[in-house]
Full PDB file with SEQRES, HELIX, SHEET, SSBOND, CRYST1, ORIGX, SCALE, CONECT and MASTER records, all heavy atoms in Angstrom:
SEQRES   1 A   38  LYS ARG ASN SER GLN VAL ILE GLY THR LYS LYS ALA VAL          
SEQRES   2 A   38  LYS MET GLU ILE MET ASP GLN LYS ASP LYS VAL TRP GLN          
SEQRES   3 A   38  ASP ALA GLU VAL MET ILE PHE GLU GLY GLU THR LYS              
HELIX    1 AA1 SER A    4  VAL A    6  5                                   3    
SHEET    1 AA1 2 VAL A  13  ASP A  19  0                                        
SHEET    2 AA1 2 VAL A  24  VAL A  30 -1                                        
CRYST1    1.000    1.000    1.000  90.00  90.00  90.00 P 1           1          
ORIGX1      1.000000  0.000000  0.000000        0.00000                         
ORIGX2      0.000000  1.000000  0.000000        0.00000                         
ORIGX3      0.000000  0.000000  1.000000        0.00000                         
SCALE1      1.000000  0.000000  0.000000        0.00000                         
SCALE2      0.000000  1.000000  0.000000        0.00000                         
SCALE3      0.000000  0.000000  1.000000        0.00000                         
ATOM      1  N   LYS A   1      93.273 162.826 124.533  1.00  0.00           N  
ATOM      2  CA  LYS A   1      92.668 164.156 124.369  1.00  0.00           C  
ATOM      3  C   LYS A   1      93.473 165.216 125.110  1.00  0.00           C  
ATOM      4  O   LYS A   1      93.687 166.311 124.593  1.00  0.00           O  
ATOM      5  CB  LYS A   1      91.225 164.147 124.869  1.00  0.00           C  
ATOM      6  CG  LYS A   1      90.272 163.429 123.960  1.00  0.00           C  
ATOM      7  CD  LYS A   1      88.863 163.421 124.535  1.00  0.00           C  
ATOM      8  CE  LYS A   1      87.964 162.510 123.726  1.00  0.00           C  
ATOM      9  NZ  LYS A   1      86.659 162.334 124.343  1.00  0.00           N  
ATOM     10  N   ARG A   2      93.905 164.900 126.334  1.00  0.00           N  
ATOM     11  CA  ARG A   2      94.697 165.859 127.125  1.00  0.00           C  
ATOM     12  C   ARG A   2      96.020 166.187 126.438  1.00  0.00           C  
ATOM     13  O   ARG A   2      96.556 167.279 126.617  1.00  0.00           O  
ATOM     14  CB  ARG A   2      94.980 165.305 128.511  1.00  0.00           C  
ATOM     15  CG  ARG A   2      94.016 165.736 129.571  1.00  0.00           C  
ATOM     16  CD  ARG A   2      94.524 165.470 130.972  1.00  0.00           C  
ATOM     17  NE  ARG A   2      94.853 164.078 131.214  1.00  0.00           N  
ATOM     18  CZ  ARG A   2      93.996 163.127 131.585  1.00  0.00           C  
ATOM     19  NH1 ARG A   2      92.718 163.432 131.739  1.00  0.00           N  
ATOM     20  NH2 ARG A   2      94.386 161.898 131.792  1.00  0.00           N  
ATOM     21  N   ASN A   3      96.556 165.232 125.699  1.00  0.00           N  
ATOM     22  CA  ASN A   3      97.850 165.423 125.039  1.00  0.00           C  
ATOM     23  C   ASN A   3      97.709 165.666 123.538  1.00  0.00           C  
ATOM     24  O   ASN A   3      98.668 165.474 122.790  1.00  0.00           O  
ATOM     25  CB  ASN A   3      98.737 164.196 125.294  1.00  0.00           C  
ATOM     26  CG  ASN A   3      99.172 164.109 126.730  1.00  0.00           C  
ATOM     27  OD1 ASN A   3      99.921 164.950 127.210  1.00  0.00           O  
ATOM     28  ND2 ASN A   3      98.687 163.117 127.445  1.00  0.00           N  
ATOM     29  N   SER A   4      96.549 166.112 123.102  1.00  0.00           N  
ATOM     30  CA  SER A   4      96.297 166.274 121.670  1.00  0.00           C  
ATOM     31  C   SER A   4      97.244 167.262 120.993  1.00  0.00           C  
ATOM     32  O   SER A   4      97.504 167.151 119.796  1.00  0.00           O  
ATOM     33  CB  SER A   4      94.849 166.692 121.429  1.00  0.00           C  
ATOM     34  OG  SER A   4      94.592 167.951 122.002  1.00  0.00           O  
ATOM     35  N   GLN A   5      97.792 168.196 121.748  1.00  0.00           N  
ATOM     36  CA  GLN A   5      98.692 169.193 121.163  1.00  0.00           C  
ATOM     37  C   GLN A   5     100.007 168.593 120.681  1.00  0.00           C  
ATOM     38  O   GLN A   5     100.700 169.198 119.867  1.00  0.00           O  
ATOM     39  CB  GLN A   5      98.962 170.344 122.156  1.00  0.00           C  
ATOM     40  CG  GLN A   5      99.852 169.985 123.328  1.00  0.00           C  
ATOM     41  CD  GLN A   5      99.144 169.257 124.478  1.00  0.00           C  
ATOM     42  OE1 GLN A   5      97.962 168.951 124.401  1.00  0.00           O  
ATOM     43  NE2 GLN A   5      99.874 168.979 125.529  1.00  0.00           N  
ATOM     44  N   VAL A   6     100.367 167.378 121.115  1.00  0.00           N  
ATOM     45  CA  VAL A   6     101.632 166.775 120.694  1.00  0.00           C  
ATOM     46  C   VAL A   6     101.447 165.694 119.628  1.00  0.00           C  
ATOM     47  O   VAL A   6     102.429 165.126 119.154  1.00  0.00           O  
ATOM     48  CB  VAL A   6     102.419 166.190 121.893  1.00  0.00           C  
ATOM     49  CG1 VAL A   6     102.751 167.270 122.907  1.00  0.00           C  
ATOM     50  CG2 VAL A   6     101.686 165.039 122.529  1.00  0.00           C  
ATOM     51  N   ILE A   7     100.212 165.426 119.228  1.00  0.00           N  
ATOM     52  CA  ILE A   7      99.974 164.396 118.222  1.00  0.00           C  
ATOM     53  C   ILE A   7     100.638 164.800 116.912  1.00  0.00           C  
ATOM     54  O   ILE A   7     100.419 165.896 116.403  1.00  0.00           O  
ATOM     55  CB  ILE A   7      98.467 164.142 118.020  1.00  0.00           C  
ATOM     56  CG1 ILE A   7      97.869 163.544 119.299  1.00  0.00           C  
ATOM     57  CG2 ILE A   7      98.220 163.226 116.821  1.00  0.00           C  
ATOM     58  CD1 ILE A   7      96.370 163.387 119.285  1.00  0.00           C  
ATOM     59  N   GLY A   8     101.508 163.929 116.425  1.00  0.00           N  
ATOM     60  CA  GLY A   8     102.202 164.168 115.161  1.00  0.00           C  
ATOM     61  C   GLY A   8     103.417 165.063 115.240  1.00  0.00           C  
ATOM     62  O   GLY A   8     104.027 165.363 114.226  1.00  0.00           O  
ATOM     63  N   THR A   9     103.810 165.475 116.455  1.00  0.00           N  
ATOM     64  CA  THR A   9     104.934 166.409 116.588  1.00  0.00           C  
ATOM     65  C   THR A   9     106.261 165.731 116.892  1.00  0.00           C  
ATOM     66  O   THR A   9     107.287 166.395 116.949  1.00  0.00           O  
ATOM     67  CB  THR A   9     104.673 167.423 117.721  1.00  0.00           C  
ATOM     68  OG1 THR A   9     104.620 166.721 118.966  1.00  0.00           O  
ATOM     69  CG2 THR A   9     103.398 168.206 117.495  1.00  0.00           C  
ATOM     70  N   LYS A  10     106.269 164.444 117.102  1.00  0.00           N  
ATOM     71  CA  LYS A  10     107.456 163.686 117.513  1.00  0.00           C  
ATOM     72  C   LYS A  10     107.956 164.101 118.899  1.00  0.00           C  
ATOM     73  O   LYS A  10     109.094 163.852 119.262  1.00  0.00           O  
ATOM     74  CB  LYS A  10     108.585 163.786 116.482  1.00  0.00           C  
ATOM     75  CG  LYS A  10     108.231 163.149 115.169  1.00  0.00           C  
ATOM     76  CD  LYS A  10     109.408 163.104 114.234  1.00  0.00           C  
ATOM     77  CE  LYS A  10     109.012 162.400 112.956  1.00  0.00           C  
ATOM     78  NZ  LYS A  10     110.130 162.292 112.028  1.00  0.00           N  
ATOM     79  N   LYS A  11     107.084 164.733 119.679  1.00  0.00           N  
ATOM     80  CA  LYS A  11     107.416 165.072 121.066  1.00  0.00           C  
ATOM     81  C   LYS A  11     106.854 163.966 121.953  1.00  0.00           C  
ATOM     82  O   LYS A  11     105.680 163.615 121.855  1.00  0.00           O  
ATOM     83  CB  LYS A  11     106.801 166.412 121.450  1.00  0.00           C  
ATOM     84  CG  LYS A  11     107.115 166.800 122.877  1.00  0.00           C  
ATOM     85  CD  LYS A  11     106.517 168.137 123.250  1.00  0.00           C  
ATOM     86  CE  LYS A  11     106.852 168.413 124.709  1.00  0.00           C  
ATOM     87  NZ  LYS A  11     106.148 169.561 125.219  1.00  0.00           N  
ATOM     88  N   ALA A  12     107.700 163.407 122.813  1.00  0.00           N  
ATOM     89  CA  ALA A  12     107.280 162.307 123.685  1.00  0.00           C  
ATOM     90  C   ALA A  12     106.533 162.841 124.903  1.00  0.00           C  
ATOM     91  O   ALA A  12     106.889 163.892 125.450  1.00  0.00           O  
ATOM     92  CB  ALA A  12     108.488 161.493 124.130  1.00  0.00           C  
ATOM     93  N   VAL A  13     105.490 162.106 125.296  1.00  0.00           N  
ATOM     94  CA  VAL A  13     104.735 162.426 126.500  1.00  0.00           C  
ATOM     95  C   VAL A  13     104.619 161.166 127.350  1.00  0.00           C  
ATOM     96  O   VAL A  13     104.662 160.047 126.838  1.00  0.00           O  
ATOM     97  CB  VAL A  13     103.322 162.970 126.186  1.00  0.00           C  
ATOM     98  CG1 VAL A  13     103.400 164.334 125.548  1.00  0.00           C  
ATOM     99  CG2 VAL A  13     102.529 162.017 125.338  1.00  0.00           C  
ATOM    100  N   LYS A  14     104.460 161.366 128.655  1.00  0.00           N  
ATOM    101  CA  LYS A  14     104.296 160.243 129.569  1.00  0.00           C  
ATOM    102  C   LYS A  14     102.822 159.852 129.613  1.00  0.00           C  
ATOM    103  O   LYS A  14     101.958 160.705 129.830  1.00  0.00           O  
ATOM    104  CB  LYS A  14     104.787 160.629 130.967  1.00  0.00           C  
ATOM    105  CG  LYS A  14     104.687 159.510 131.961  1.00  0.00           C  
ATOM    106  CD  LYS A  14     105.142 159.953 133.340  1.00  0.00           C  
ATOM    107  CE  LYS A  14     104.780 158.892 134.359  1.00  0.00           C  
ATOM    108  NZ  LYS A  14     104.993 159.341 135.718  1.00  0.00           N  
ATOM    109  N   MET A  15     102.557 158.572 129.368  1.00  0.00           N  
ATOM    110  CA  MET A  15     101.190 158.062 129.392  1.00  0.00           C  
ATOM    111  C   MET A  15     101.198 156.635 129.916  1.00  0.00           C  
ATOM    112  O   MET A  15     102.230 155.977 129.900  1.00  0.00           O  
ATOM    113  CB  MET A  15     100.583 158.036 127.980  1.00  0.00           C  
ATOM    114  CG  MET A  15     100.473 159.364 127.309  1.00  0.00           C  
ATOM    115  SD  MET A  15      99.692 159.203 125.698  1.00  0.00           S  
ATOM    116  CE  MET A  15      97.994 159.141 126.184  1.00  0.00           C  
ATOM    117  N   GLU A  16     100.015 156.186 130.326  1.00  0.00           N  
ATOM    118  CA  GLU A  16      99.845 154.783 130.661  1.00  0.00           C  
ATOM    119  C   GLU A  16      99.462 154.031 129.394  1.00  0.00           C  
ATOM    120  O   GLU A  16      98.609 154.487 128.628  1.00  0.00           O  
ATOM    121  CB  GLU A  16      98.738 154.597 131.697  1.00  0.00           C  
ATOM    122  CG  GLU A  16      99.129 154.949 133.100  1.00  0.00           C  
ATOM    123  CD  GLU A  16      98.031 154.578 134.065  1.00  0.00           C  
ATOM    124  OE1 GLU A  16      97.016 155.279 134.075  1.00  0.00           O  
ATOM    125  OE2 GLU A  16      98.186 153.571 134.782  1.00  0.00           O  
ATOM    126  N   ILE A  17     100.101 152.896 129.164  1.00  0.00           N  
ATOM    127  CA  ILE A  17      99.771 152.055 128.023  1.00  0.00           C  
ATOM    128  C   ILE A  17      99.551 150.632 128.516  1.00  0.00           C  
ATOM    129  O   ILE A  17     100.112 150.226 129.526  1.00  0.00           O  
ATOM    130  CB  ILE A  17     100.874 152.069 126.939  1.00  0.00           C  
ATOM    131  CG1 ILE A  17     102.195 151.505 127.497  1.00  0.00           C  
ATOM    132  CG2 ILE A  17     101.072 153.459 126.370  1.00  0.00           C  
ATOM    133  CD1 ILE A  17     103.232 151.254 126.439  1.00  0.00           C  
ATOM    134  N   MET A  18      98.712 149.903 127.790  1.00  0.00           N  
ATOM    135  CA  MET A  18      98.516 148.493 128.127  1.00  0.00           C  
ATOM    136  C   MET A  18      98.896 147.656 126.914  1.00  0.00           C  
ATOM    137  O   MET A  18      98.325 147.818 125.837  1.00  0.00           O  
ATOM    138  CB  MET A  18      97.072 148.170 128.500  1.00  0.00           C  
ATOM    139  CG  MET A  18      96.898 146.703 128.873  1.00  0.00           C  
ATOM    140  SD  MET A  18      95.242 146.207 129.407  1.00  0.00           S  
ATOM    141  CE  MET A  18      94.300 146.473 127.932  1.00  0.00           C  
ATOM    142  N   ASP A  19      99.871 146.789 127.114  1.00  0.00           N  
ATOM    143  CA  ASP A  19     100.283 145.851 126.083  1.00  0.00           C  
ATOM    144  C   ASP A  19      99.230 144.752 126.014  1.00  0.00           C  
ATOM    145  O   ASP A  19      98.897 144.143 127.028  1.00  0.00           O  
ATOM    146  CB  ASP A  19     101.653 145.269 126.447  1.00  0.00           C  
ATOM    147  CG  ASP A  19     102.236 144.418 125.356  1.00  0.00           C  
ATOM    148  OD1 ASP A  19     101.484 143.651 124.722  1.00  0.00           O  
ATOM    149  OD2 ASP A  19     103.458 144.501 125.137  1.00  0.00           O  
ATOM    150  N   GLN A  20      98.690 144.505 124.836  1.00  0.00           N  
ATOM    151  CA  GLN A  20      97.661 143.491 124.674  1.00  0.00           C  
ATOM    152  C   GLN A  20      98.157 142.087 125.031  1.00  0.00           C  
ATOM    153  O   GLN A  20      97.380 141.257 125.475  1.00  0.00           O  
ATOM    154  CB  GLN A  20      97.149 143.486 123.231  1.00  0.00           C  
ATOM    155  CG  GLN A  20      96.152 144.564 122.967  1.00  0.00           C  
ATOM    156  CD  GLN A  20      94.901 144.358 123.779  1.00  0.00           C  
ATOM    157  OE1 GLN A  20      94.781 144.851 124.888  1.00  0.00           O  
ATOM    158  NE2 GLN A  20      93.978 143.610 123.257  1.00  0.00           N  
ATOM    159  N   LYS A  21      99.431 141.828 124.840  1.00  0.00           N  
ATOM    160  CA  LYS A  21      99.975 140.503 125.128  1.00  0.00           C  
ATOM    161  C   LYS A  21     100.007 140.249 126.631  1.00  0.00           C  
ATOM    162  O   LYS A  21      99.579 139.202 127.097  1.00  0.00           O  
ATOM    163  CB  LYS A  21     101.384 140.370 124.531  1.00  0.00           C  
ATOM    164  CG  LYS A  21     101.976 138.979 124.650  1.00  0.00           C  
ATOM    165  CD  LYS A  21     103.321 138.902 123.977  1.00  0.00           C  
ATOM    166  CE  LYS A  21     104.362 139.343 124.993  1.00  0.00           C  
ATOM    167  NZ  LYS A  21     105.726 139.248 124.507  1.00  0.00           N  
ATOM    168  N   ASP A  22     100.511 141.201 127.401  1.00  0.00           N  
ATOM    169  CA  ASP A  22     100.678 141.022 128.848  1.00  0.00           C  
ATOM    170  C   ASP A  22      99.462 141.450 129.650  1.00  0.00           C  
ATOM    171  O   ASP A  22      99.327 141.080 130.810  1.00  0.00           O  
ATOM    172  CB  ASP A  22     101.894 141.809 129.343  1.00  0.00           C  
ATOM    173  CG  ASP A  22     103.179 141.335 128.705  1.00  0.00           C  
ATOM    174  OD1 ASP A  22     103.259 140.150 128.331  1.00  0.00           O  
ATOM    175  OD2 ASP A  22     104.106 142.158 128.568  1.00  0.00           O  
ATOM    176  N   LYS A  23      98.605 142.289 129.069  1.00  0.00           N  
ATOM    177  CA  LYS A  23      97.422 142.823 129.761  1.00  0.00           C  
ATOM    178  C   LYS A  23      97.799 143.551 131.059  1.00  0.00           C  
ATOM    179  O   LYS A  23      97.131 143.440 132.070  1.00  0.00           O  
ATOM    180  CB  LYS A  23      96.403 141.715 130.067  1.00  0.00           C  
ATOM    181  CG  LYS A  23      95.948 140.940 128.873  1.00  0.00           C  
ATOM    182  CD  LYS A  23      94.967 141.722 128.061  1.00  0.00           C  
ATOM    183  CE  LYS A  23      94.374 140.803 127.004  1.00  0.00           C  
ATOM    184  NZ  LYS A  23      93.871 141.475 125.860  1.00  0.00           N  
ATOM    185  N   VAL A  24      98.907 144.287 131.008  1.00  0.00           N  
ATOM    186  CA  VAL A  24      99.407 145.018 132.171  1.00  0.00           C  
ATOM    187  C   VAL A  24      99.593 146.484 131.778  1.00  0.00           C  
ATOM    188  O   VAL A  24     100.176 146.780 130.733  1.00  0.00           O  
ATOM    189  CB  VAL A  24     100.760 144.431 132.654  1.00  0.00           C  
ATOM    190  CG1 VAL A  24     101.356 145.266 133.774  1.00  0.00           C  
ATOM    191  CG2 VAL A  24     100.591 142.991 133.094  1.00  0.00           C  
ATOM    192  N   TRP A  25      99.087 147.380 132.618  1.00  0.00           N  
ATOM    193  CA  TRP A  25      99.286 148.813 132.394  1.00  0.00           C  
ATOM    194  C   TRP A  25     100.684 149.200 132.846  1.00  0.00           C  
ATOM    195  O   TRP A  25     101.151 148.777 133.898  1.00  0.00           O  
ATOM    196  CB  TRP A  25      98.253 149.629 133.150  1.00  0.00           C  
ATOM    197  CG  TRP A  25      96.901 149.551 132.531  1.00  0.00           C  
ATOM    198  CD1 TRP A  25      95.879 148.730 132.898  1.00  0.00           C  
ATOM    199  CD2 TRP A  25      96.421 150.303 131.425  1.00  0.00           C  
ATOM    200  NE1 TRP A  25      94.785 148.928 132.095  1.00  0.00           N  
ATOM    201  CE2 TRP A  25      95.084 149.890 131.175  1.00  0.00           C  
ATOM    202  CE3 TRP A  25      96.972 151.291 130.610  1.00  0.00           C  
ATOM    203  CZ2 TRP A  25      94.318 150.433 130.150  1.00  0.00           C  
ATOM    204  CZ3 TRP A  25      96.191 151.831 129.600  1.00  0.00           C  
ATOM    205  CH2 TRP A  25      94.892 151.405 129.377  1.00  0.00           C  
ATOM    206  N   GLN A  26     101.348 150.029 132.026  1.00  0.00           N  
ATOM    207  CA  GLN A  26     102.690 150.514 132.338  1.00  0.00           C  
ATOM    208  C   GLN A  26     102.774 151.986 131.988  1.00  0.00           C  
ATOM    209  O   GLN A  26     102.105 152.449 131.061  1.00  0.00           O  
ATOM    210  CB  GLN A  26     103.744 149.779 131.494  1.00  0.00           C  
ATOM    211  CG  GLN A  26     103.777 148.293 131.690  1.00  0.00           C  
ATOM    212  CD  GLN A  26     104.711 147.648 130.679  1.00  0.00           C  
ATOM    213  OE1 GLN A  26     104.510 147.753 129.484  1.00  0.00           O  
ATOM    214  NE2 GLN A  26     105.734 146.983 131.187  1.00  0.00           N  
ATOM    215  N   ASP A  27     103.627 152.699 132.704  1.00  0.00           N  
ATOM    216  CA  ASP A  27     103.932 154.073 132.338  1.00  0.00           C  
ATOM    217  C   ASP A  27     104.997 154.036 131.252  1.00  0.00           C  
ATOM    218  O   ASP A  27     105.929 153.229 131.316  1.00  0.00           O  
ATOM    219  CB  ASP A  27     104.449 154.872 133.532  1.00  0.00           C  
ATOM    220  CG  ASP A  27     103.348 155.222 134.511  1.00  0.00           C  
ATOM    221  OD1 ASP A  27     102.202 155.434 134.074  1.00  0.00           O  
ATOM    222  OD2 ASP A  27     103.639 155.297 135.725  1.00  0.00           O  
ATOM    223  N   ALA A  28     104.848 154.897 130.268  1.00  0.00           N  
ATOM    224  CA  ALA A  28     105.810 154.942 129.177  1.00  0.00           C  
ATOM    225  C   ALA A  28     105.880 156.346 128.602  1.00  0.00           C  
ATOM    226  O   ALA A  28     104.947 157.130 128.757  1.00  0.00           O  
ATOM    227  CB  ALA A  28     105.410 153.965 128.078  1.00  0.00           C  
ATOM    228  N   GLU A  29     106.997 156.636 127.970  1.00  0.00           N  
ATOM    229  CA  GLU A  29     107.115 157.854 127.186  1.00  0.00           C  
ATOM    230  C   GLU A  29     106.841 157.451 125.750  1.00  0.00           C  
ATOM    231  O   GLU A  29     107.496 156.551 125.218  1.00  0.00           O  
ATOM    232  CB  GLU A  29     108.508 158.457 127.313  1.00  0.00           C  
ATOM    233  CG  GLU A  29     108.769 159.060 128.664  1.00  0.00           C  
ATOM    234  CD  GLU A  29     110.152 159.681 128.775  1.00  0.00           C  
ATOM    235  OE1 GLU A  29     110.854 159.823 127.743  1.00  0.00           O  
ATOM    236  OE2 GLU A  29     110.537 160.010 129.893  1.00  0.00           O  
ATOM    237  N   VAL A  30     105.838 158.082 125.145  1.00  0.00           N  
ATOM    238  CA  VAL A  30     105.431 157.713 123.788  1.00  0.00           C  
ATOM    239  C   VAL A  30     105.276 158.941 122.907  1.00  0.00           C  
ATOM    240  O   VAL A  30     105.027 160.043 123.389  1.00  0.00           O  
ATOM    241  CB  VAL A  30     104.099 156.923 123.797  1.00  0.00           C  
ATOM    242  CG1 VAL A  30     104.225 155.643 124.586  1.00  0.00           C  
ATOM    243  CG2 VAL A  30     102.951 157.751 124.320  1.00  0.00           C  
ATOM    244  N   MET A  31     105.425 158.722 121.607  1.00  0.00           N  
ATOM    245  CA  MET A  31     105.087 159.719 120.605  1.00  0.00           C  
ATOM    246  C   MET A  31     103.793 159.235 119.956  1.00  0.00           C  
ATOM    247  O   MET A  31     103.677 158.055 119.609  1.00  0.00           O  
ATOM    248  CB  MET A  31     106.194 159.854 119.563  1.00  0.00           C  
ATOM    249  CG  MET A  31     107.463 160.460 120.122  1.00  0.00           C  
ATOM    250  SD  MET A  31     108.714 160.746 118.843  1.00  0.00           S  
ATOM    251  CE  MET A  31     109.360 159.089 118.658  1.00  0.00           C  
ATOM    252  N   ILE A  32     102.832 160.115 119.809  1.00  0.00           N  
ATOM    253  CA  ILE A  32     101.513 159.752 119.278  1.00  0.00           C  
ATOM    254  C   ILE A  32     101.355 160.332 117.870  1.00  0.00           C  
ATOM    255  O   ILE A  32     101.701 161.494 117.637  1.00  0.00           O  
ATOM    256  CB  ILE A  32     100.384 160.319 120.164  1.00  0.00           C  
ATOM    257  CG1 ILE A  32     100.603 159.968 121.627  1.00  0.00           C  
ATOM    258  CG2 ILE A  32      99.031 159.819 119.696  1.00  0.00           C  
ATOM    259  CD1 ILE A  32      99.705 160.725 122.579  1.00  0.00           C  
ATOM    260  N   PHE A  33     100.825 159.505 116.986  1.00  0.00           N  
ATOM    261  CA  PHE A  33     100.573 159.927 115.607  1.00  0.00           C  
ATOM    262  C   PHE A  33      99.154 159.558 115.214  1.00  0.00           C  
ATOM    263  O   PHE A  33      98.629 158.542 115.648  1.00  0.00           O  
ATOM    264  CB  PHE A  33     101.561 159.238 114.660  1.00  0.00           C  
ATOM    265  CG  PHE A  33     102.991 159.517 114.991  1.00  0.00           C  
ATOM    266  CD1 PHE A  33     103.698 158.664 115.809  1.00  0.00           C  
ATOM    267  CD2 PHE A  33     103.618 160.649 114.496  1.00  0.00           C  
ATOM    268  CE1 PHE A  33     105.014 158.920 116.140  1.00  0.00           C  
ATOM    269  CE2 PHE A  33     104.942 160.913 114.819  1.00  0.00           C  
ATOM    270  CZ  PHE A  33     105.647 160.048 115.642  1.00  0.00           C  
ATOM    271  N   GLU A  34      98.552 160.382 114.381  1.00  0.00           N  
ATOM    272  CA  GLU A  34      97.227 160.067 113.852  1.00  0.00           C  
ATOM    273  C   GLU A  34      97.427 159.434 112.480  1.00  0.00           C  
ATOM    274  O   GLU A  34      97.986 160.046 111.584  1.00  0.00           O  
ATOM    275  CB  GLU A  34      96.366 161.327 113.746  1.00  0.00           C  
ATOM    276  CG  GLU A  34      94.922 161.012 113.463  1.00  0.00           C  
ATOM    277  CD  GLU A  34      94.013 162.208 113.674  1.00  0.00           C  
ATOM    278  OE1 GLU A  34      94.492 163.278 114.075  1.00  0.00           O  
ATOM    279  OE2 GLU A  34      92.815 162.052 113.425  1.00  0.00           O  
ATOM    280  N   GLY A  35      97.016 158.199 112.353  1.00  0.00           N  
ATOM    281  CA  GLY A  35      97.210 157.469 111.108  1.00  0.00           C  
ATOM    282  C   GLY A  35      98.481 156.647 111.127  1.00  0.00           C  
ATOM    283  O   GLY A  35      99.341 156.799 111.994  1.00  0.00           O  
ATOM    284  N   GLU A  36      98.552 155.757 110.159  1.00  0.00           N  
ATOM    285  CA  GLU A  36      99.680 154.822 110.084  1.00  0.00           C  
ATOM    286  C   GLU A  36     100.992 155.574 109.919  1.00  0.00           C  
ATOM    287  O   GLU A  36     101.100 156.498 109.118  1.00  0.00           O  
ATOM    288  CB  GLU A  36      99.470 153.869 108.913  1.00  0.00           C  
ATOM    289  CG  GLU A  36     100.321 152.647 108.999  1.00  0.00           C  
ATOM    290  CD  GLU A  36      99.880 151.563 108.041  1.00  0.00           C  
ATOM    291  OE1 GLU A  36      98.713 151.578 107.622  1.00  0.00           O  
ATOM    292  OE2 GLU A  36     100.705 150.708 107.731  1.00  0.00           O  
ATOM    293  N   THR A  37     101.983 155.175 110.716  1.00  0.00           N  
ATOM    294  CA  THR A  37     103.281 155.834 110.744  1.00  0.00           C  
ATOM    295  C   THR A  37     104.368 154.775 110.806  1.00  0.00           C  
ATOM    296  O   THR A  37     104.234 153.783 111.526  1.00  0.00           O  
ATOM    297  CB  THR A  37     103.390 156.758 111.981  1.00  0.00           C  
ATOM    298  OG1 THR A  37     102.310 157.694 111.946  1.00  0.00           O  
ATOM    299  CG2 THR A  37     104.694 157.510 112.005  1.00  0.00           C  
ATOM    300  N   LYS A  38     105.442 155.002 110.064  1.00  0.00           N  
ATOM    301  CA  LYS A  38     106.558 154.053 110.033  1.00  0.00           C  
ATOM    302  C   LYS A  38     107.112 153.826 111.438  1.00  0.00           C  
ATOM    303  O   LYS A  38     107.303 154.777 112.201  1.00  0.00           O  
ATOM    304  CB  LYS A  38     107.658 154.584 109.117  1.00  0.00           C  
ATOM    305  CG  LYS A  38     108.811 153.623 108.947  1.00  0.00           C  
ATOM    306  CD  LYS A  38     109.878 154.197 108.056  1.00  0.00           C  
ATOM    307  CE  LYS A  38     111.037 153.201 107.980  1.00  0.00           C  
ATOM    308  NZ  LYS A  38     112.189 153.782 107.336  1.00  0.00           N  
TER     309      LYS A  38                                                      
MASTER        0    0    0    1    2    0    0    6  308    1    0    3          
END                                                                             
């Protein structure tokens, strides 16, 4: 929600993500999209 202005813009933001396989939170730079994206 805080980063909603960059959704779909291909602009990377720093966020915490948790990989389901490792179950570990990590900081990452990610691009966020609404809906399925290649």
